[in-house]
Every structure is written in C-alpha cells, then in structure tokens.
Amino acid sequence: MLTKFKRVLCPVQFDKNSEAALALAKEIAKQNGGKLFVLAAVTPHADPTRVAGAAMAAHDEKVAEQELARLKSELADIEHETILLIGNPAEEIVKAEHDYGVELVVMATHGRTGLSHLVLGSVAEHVVRESICPVLTIRPK
C-alpha cells in the first residue's frame, strides 16, 4: 500500500530546478489533501561580524523573504506554510523534517558530478542520507 503523504516539505532555492520540485510537491500534497511546507534555508556568511559579511547575509535573507512572499500567491489553492531558516541548508532541511512532522521531502538536485560535486558537496545527498522520511529528488533537464 502506498503512503498518502499529507505533510510534504519542499526546500527551494528560487531557481528553475526548485520550481519543478515545488510543482510536484504541491501536486502530491494537493492530491492527498495535505499540507505543503516550503523551506528556504539561507547560508550564513563566514564572518557576520565583518560589514561585508553582515550585509551579504542581510541581503540574502531579504531576497528569500521576498521570494517566499511571492510564492504564497501561487500556493493560495493549497494549505501551506513558508519557512525561512538561517543555517547550513542540509542540516536545516533535516531538522525541519523533525520539527514539522514531515512525511515526504521533494527537492531539486543540481546534478553535479566529479570534482564540482566533491568540492561543493551535495545538499540533496546529505538529506537523503540523514532523512527520517522518503526523499524524492528532481534532477535538472
């Protein structure tokens, strides 16, 4: 028997890949009469005590707030909650699973391989390894 996922988490980065993941997450939650949690995790800059670091962090947070506000109108036809967190994205996503009782994570992956994957790491890979629930990843076309 397939689980009816009623609490779906979709981490977003406000790019084309995230749009595809969000559309799928919304459809899954909608079909199951569930709730969609849209999460934006802003990475803190290395040294927020420096003026440039603090300004960059504030800018990134403001942009994320604006983008989440924009998404609210697109999600008006489904029960949803938008979440903005500051921290390591992979860790914040896994923590949000626990905090919001999520049953499914739907997220985009950038599809990096080789050296760029080793250097930049993979948020999706970390989430898949540490998740307490199923994770559906969407690869770029």
Protein backbone atom coordinates (compact mmCIF):
# COMPACT_ATOMS: atom_id res chain seq x y z
CA MET A 1 0.00 0.00 0.00
CA LEU A 2 1.35 3.41 -0.91
CA THR A 3 1.51 6.05 1.78
CA LYS A 4 -0.66 9.09 1.35
CA PHE A 5 1.80 11.86 2.05
CA LYS A 6 -0.09 14.57 3.91
CA ARG A 7 2.87 16.65 5.14
CA VAL A 8 5.24 17.44 2.29
CA LEU A 9 8.40 19.54 2.62
CA CYS A 10 9.90 21.26 -0.41
CA PRO A 11 13.21 23.11 0.06
CA VAL A 12 13.60 25.86 -2.56
CA GLN A 13 16.42 27.95 -3.96
CA PHE A 14 14.24 30.07 -6.27
CA ASP A 15 15.65 28.63 -9.49
CA LYS A 16 14.23 26.53 -12.36
CA ASN A 17 15.13 23.26 -10.63
CA SER A 18 13.31 24.31 -7.47
CA GLU A 19 10.26 25.36 -9.49
CA ALA A 20 9.92 21.82 -10.88
CA ALA A 21 10.28 20.29 -7.42
CA LEU A 22 7.77 22.74 -5.95
CA ALA A 23 5.21 21.98 -8.66
CA LEU A 24 5.50 18.25 -7.95
CA ALA A 25 5.43 18.71 -4.16
CA LYS A 26 2.33 20.88 -4.47
CA GLU A 27 0.59 18.27 -6.62
CA ILE A 28 1.41 15.46 -4.17
CA ALA A 29 0.14 17.43 -1.18
CA LYS A 30 -2.96 18.57 -3.08
CA GLN A 31 -3.89 15.06 -4.25
CA ASN A 32 -3.62 13.79 -0.68
CA GLY A 33 -5.45 16.70 0.94
CA GLY A 34 -2.26 17.52 2.78
CA LYS A 35 -0.14 20.49 3.76
CA LEU A 36 2.90 21.79 1.88
CA PHE A 37 5.85 23.25 3.74
CA VAL A 38 8.09 25.44 1.56
CA LEU A 39 11.51 25.95 3.10
CA ALA A 40 14.20 28.45 2.17
CA ALA A 41 17.48 27.99 4.03
CA VAL A 42 19.90 30.90 3.81
CA THR A 43 23.54 30.06 4.39
CA PRO A 44 25.16 32.43 6.87
CA HIS A 45 28.30 34.08 5.57
CA ALA A 46 31.63 33.09 7.06
CA ASP A 47 32.15 36.11 9.31
CA PRO A 48 28.93 38.02 10.05
CA THR A 49 30.90 40.43 12.28
CA ARG A 50 32.54 41.93 9.20
CA VAL A 51 30.49 44.60 7.48
CA ALA A 52 30.55 42.89 4.08
CA GLY A 53 29.55 39.51 5.57
CA ALA A 54 26.71 41.02 7.58
CA ALA A 55 25.44 42.99 4.58
CA MET A 56 25.54 39.91 2.34
CA ALA A 57 23.67 37.83 4.93
CA ALA A 58 21.02 40.53 5.35
CA HIS A 59 20.63 40.84 1.58
CA ASP A 60 20.25 37.07 1.10
CA GLU A 61 17.68 36.90 3.89
CA LYS A 62 15.68 39.79 2.42
CA VAL A 63 15.66 38.21 -1.05
CA ALA A 64 14.48 34.90 0.42
CA GLU A 65 11.69 36.67 2.33
CA GLN A 66 10.55 38.42 -0.87
CA GLU A 67 10.61 35.21 -2.89
CA LEU A 68 8.66 33.30 -0.23
CA ALA A 69 6.08 36.10 -0.19
CA ARG A 70 5.79 35.81 -3.97
CA LEU A 71 5.24 32.07 -3.72
CA LYS A 72 2.38 32.50 -1.26
CA SER A 73 0.06 33.73 -4.02
CA GLU A 74 0.98 30.74 -6.19
CA LEU A 75 0.11 28.41 -3.31
CA ALA A 76 -3.21 30.03 -2.41
CA ASP A 77 -5.16 26.94 -3.51
CA ILE A 78 -3.44 24.58 -1.04
CA GLU A 79 -2.80 24.56 2.69
CA HIS A 80 0.82 25.62 3.07
CA GLU A 81 3.40 27.22 5.30
CA THR A 82 6.54 29.06 4.24
CA ILE A 83 9.63 28.74 6.39
CA LEU A 84 12.82 30.81 6.33
CA LEU A 85 15.78 29.44 8.25
CA ILE A 86 19.37 30.65 8.58
CA GLY A 87 22.00 27.94 8.64
CA ASN A 88 23.50 25.05 6.73
CA PRO A 89 20.78 24.11 4.22
CA ALA A 90 21.20 20.33 4.51
CA GLU A 91 21.10 20.42 8.30
CA GLU A 92 18.13 22.82 8.36
CA ILE A 93 16.14 20.61 5.97
CA VAL A 94 16.67 17.50 8.10
CA LYS A 95 15.85 19.46 11.27
CA ALA A 96 12.65 20.79 9.65
CA GLU A 97 11.54 17.21 8.94
CA HIS A 98 11.50 16.59 12.68
CA ASP A 99 10.09 20.00 13.65
CA TYR A 100 7.15 19.88 11.22
CA GLY A 101 6.38 16.16 11.21
CA VAL A 102 7.12 15.83 7.52
CA GLU A 103 6.27 12.57 5.72
CA LEU A 104 7.97 13.32 2.37
CA VAL A 105 10.68 15.67 1.13
CA VAL A 106 10.59 16.73 -2.53
CA MET A 107 13.71 18.60 -3.59
CA ALA A 108 15.75 19.57 -6.60
CA THR A 109 19.28 18.42 -7.14
CA HIS A 110 21.78 20.30 -9.27
CA GLY A 111 23.13 17.09 -10.77
CA ARG A 112 26.77 17.94 -10.16
CA THR A 113 29.28 15.19 -10.69
CA GLY A 114 33.00 14.73 -10.44
CA LEU A 115 35.17 17.45 -8.95
CA SER A 116 32.40 20.04 -8.57
CA HIS A 117 30.38 17.51 -6.54
CA LEU A 118 33.38 16.80 -4.32
CA VAL A 119 34.19 20.48 -3.79
CA LEU A 120 30.67 21.83 -3.41
CA GLY A 121 29.12 18.79 -1.77
CA SER A 122 25.51 17.87 -2.18
CA VAL A 123 22.67 19.11 -0.05
CA ALA A 124 20.37 16.51 -1.59
CA GLU A 125 22.83 13.71 -0.86
CA HIS A 126 23.12 14.78 2.79
CA VAL A 127 19.33 14.96 3.13
CA VAL A 128 18.87 11.50 1.56
CA ARG A 129 21.43 10.03 3.98
CA GLU A 130 20.10 11.71 7.13
CA SER A 131 16.37 11.88 6.42
CA ILE A 132 13.80 10.16 8.60
CA CYS A 133 11.29 10.02 5.73
CA PRO A 134 11.31 9.32 1.99
CA VAL A 135 13.10 11.90 -0.19
CA LEU A 136 12.11 12.43 -3.81
CA THR A 137 14.83 14.23 -5.78
CA ILE A 138 14.23 16.02 -9.07
CA ARG A 139 17.20 16.27 -11.43
CA PRO A 140 17.65 19.14 -13.87
CA LYS A 141 16.77 18.50 -17.51
